[in-house]
Protein backbone atom coordinates (compact mmCIF):
# COMPACT_ATOMS: atom_id res chain seq x y z
CA MET A 1 0.00 0.00 0.00
CA SER A 2 1.67 3.16 -1.21
CA ASP A 3 0.13 5.41 1.45
CA CYS A 4 1.15 3.18 4.38
CA PRO A 5 4.34 4.43 6.07
CA PHE A 6 5.30 0.92 7.22
CA CYS A 7 4.84 -0.50 3.72
CA GLN A 8 7.08 2.30 2.42
CA ILE A 9 9.78 1.30 4.94
CA ALA A 10 9.38 -2.36 3.94
CA GLU A 11 9.92 -1.38 0.31
CA GLU A 12 12.64 1.28 0.73
CA GLY A 13 14.65 -0.17 3.64
CA LEU A 14 15.30 0.83 7.22
CA PRO A 15 15.26 4.51 8.15
CA PRO A 16 18.03 5.95 10.38
CA HIS A 17 16.00 4.94 13.47
CA GLY A 18 15.81 1.32 12.31
CA LEU A 19 17.29 -1.39 14.49
CA PHE A 20 16.88 -4.63 12.55
CA GLU A 21 15.50 -6.07 9.34
CA ASP A 22 15.12 -9.52 7.83
CA GLU A 23 13.04 -10.87 4.96
CA SER A 24 9.74 -10.77 6.89
CA PHE A 25 10.00 -8.13 9.65
CA PHE A 26 11.73 -4.96 10.72
CA VAL A 27 12.24 -3.19 14.03
CA ILE A 28 12.27 0.59 14.38
CA LEU A 29 12.26 2.97 17.31
CA ASP A 30 8.94 4.67 17.95
CA LYS A 31 8.91 8.43 17.32
CA GLU A 32 6.32 8.72 20.09
CA SER A 33 8.43 7.07 22.73
CA LEU A 34 7.42 5.96 26.20
CA ALA A 35 10.98 5.03 27.21
CA PHE A 36 14.51 4.72 25.90
CA GLY A 37 14.48 1.72 23.56
CA HIS A 38 10.71 1.82 22.89
CA CYS A 39 10.48 0.14 19.51
CA MET A 40 8.04 -1.59 17.21
CA VAL A 41 8.29 -5.01 15.56
CA ILE A 42 6.55 -4.75 12.20
CA PRO A 43 5.71 -7.37 9.58
CA LYS A 44 6.63 -6.40 6.03
CA ARG A 45 3.42 -7.92 4.71
CA HIS A 46 0.60 -5.44 5.03
CA VAL A 47 -2.16 -6.49 7.39
CA VAL A 48 -4.09 -4.05 9.53
CA LYS A 49 -4.20 -5.95 12.83
CA VAL A 50 -1.73 -8.30 14.51
CA TYR A 51 -4.36 -11.04 14.70
CA GLU A 52 -4.75 -10.92 10.91
CA LEU A 53 -1.29 -12.46 10.52
CA ASN A 54 -1.32 -16.16 9.73
CA GLU A 55 -0.13 -18.65 12.34
CA SER A 56 3.46 -18.88 11.13
CA GLU A 57 3.77 -15.08 10.83
CA THR A 58 2.36 -14.67 14.34
CA ALA A 59 4.88 -17.18 15.67
CA GLU A 60 7.72 -15.39 13.86
CA LEU A 61 6.54 -11.97 15.12
CA PHE A 62 6.54 -13.10 18.73
CA ALA A 63 9.82 -15.01 18.37
CA LEU A 64 11.50 -11.84 17.11
CA ALA A 65 9.76 -9.73 19.76
CA ARG A 66 11.06 -12.12 22.43
CA LYS A 67 14.64 -11.82 21.16
CA VAL A 68 14.43 -8.02 21.09
CA ALA A 69 12.78 -7.88 24.52
CA VAL A 70 15.43 -10.12 26.11
CA TYR A 71 18.17 -7.97 24.62
CA LEU A 72 16.54 -4.69 25.70
CA GLU A 73 15.95 -5.93 29.24
CA ARG A 74 19.56 -7.01 29.60
CA ALA A 75 21.17 -4.07 27.76
CA LEU A 76 19.08 -1.38 29.44
CA ASP A 77 18.97 -3.04 32.88
CA VAL A 78 15.19 -2.70 33.20
CA LYS A 79 12.70 -4.83 35.11
CA ALA A 80 10.63 -5.84 32.07
CA VAL A 81 9.65 -5.09 28.49
CA GLY A 82 5.92 -4.62 27.91
CA TYR A 83 4.21 -5.74 24.72
CA ILE A 84 1.39 -3.60 23.32
CA ALA A 85 -0.68 -4.23 20.18
CA PHE A 86 -3.38 -1.60 19.89
CA GLY A 87 -5.20 -2.86 16.78
CA SER A 88 -6.28 0.65 15.85
CA GLY A 89 -4.57 3.83 14.84
CA LEU A 90 -1.92 3.27 12.19
CA PRO A 91 -3.43 0.78 9.72
CA HIS A 92 -0.52 -1.70 9.61
CA ALA A 93 0.01 -4.40 12.22
CA HIS A 94 2.82 -3.79 14.70
CA LEU A 95 3.82 -4.76 18.20
CA HIS A 96 5.24 -2.14 20.58
CA LEU A 97 8.04 -3.17 22.94
CA VAL A 98 8.38 -0.81 25.91
CA PRO A 99 11.34 -1.31 28.27
CA HIS A 100 10.49 -0.24 31.82
CA SER A 101 11.20 -0.66 35.50
CA ASP A 102 7.86 0.80 36.58
CA SER A 103 4.58 -0.49 35.13
CA ARG A 104 3.10 3.01 35.37
CA VAL A 105 4.58 3.68 31.94
CA LEU A 106 2.11 1.13 30.53
CA GLU A 107 -0.78 2.11 32.78
CA TYR A 108 -0.45 5.89 32.28
CA PRO A 109 1.38 6.28 28.97
CA HIS A 110 0.46 9.93 28.47
CA GLU A 111 2.56 10.83 31.51
CA TYR A 112 5.65 9.34 29.83
CA LEU A 113 5.14 10.15 26.15
CA ARG A 114 8.05 11.93 24.45
CA ARG A 115 7.97 12.95 20.80
CA LEU A 116 11.50 12.41 19.56
CA SER A 117 13.19 14.49 16.88
CA ASP A 118 14.94 12.81 13.97
CA GLY A 119 18.27 13.56 15.65
CA GLU A 120 17.17 12.02 18.94
CA LEU A 121 15.88 8.92 17.13
CA ARG A 122 19.12 8.54 15.19
CA ALA A 123 21.25 8.91 18.35
CA GLU A 124 19.13 6.38 20.26
CA ALA A 125 19.28 3.91 17.36
CA GLU A 126 23.06 4.23 17.12
CA LYS A 127 23.36 3.31 20.80
CA LEU A 128 21.28 0.16 20.33
CA ARG A 129 21.78 -1.03 16.74
CA SER A 130 25.08 -2.91 16.57
CA MET A 131 24.58 -5.14 19.61
CA LEU A 132 20.91 -5.74 18.82
CA SER A 133 21.56 -6.76 15.22
CA ARG A 134 24.32 -9.16 16.27
CA ASP A 135 22.16 -10.72 19.00
CA LEU A 136 19.15 -11.13 16.71
CA ARG A 137 21.13 -12.78 13.93
CA THR A 138 22.85 -15.24 16.26
CA GLY A 139 20.22 -15.83 18.92
């Protein structure tokens, strides 16, 4: 879909705030961040809702999300990484991963929301990208 920003990324390649890409999925930092390392795992195939993915795509999505979450938890020394799939809003399925040490960030997201500039996104991605990509390819 030419008007879908995630489909455009799938076609054109990772933006500067991208963390990982393979043949089926990509991971980018969220511009509307709830925490350092808040990212989205996104299927390249266009479907509107996560539950519209087929069984194997769903399994692959959550396997990749697990790898990213384990890395983020360890690298950022946080208590947990929350998963959020809204199912509305941007019309392309994606799963948010939100590193946190206080569940309030998930319960009261508007208190934590930061809109990141392109420069802030790029700097955050640079801090995370090399280790994350290596871990995801080998783990």
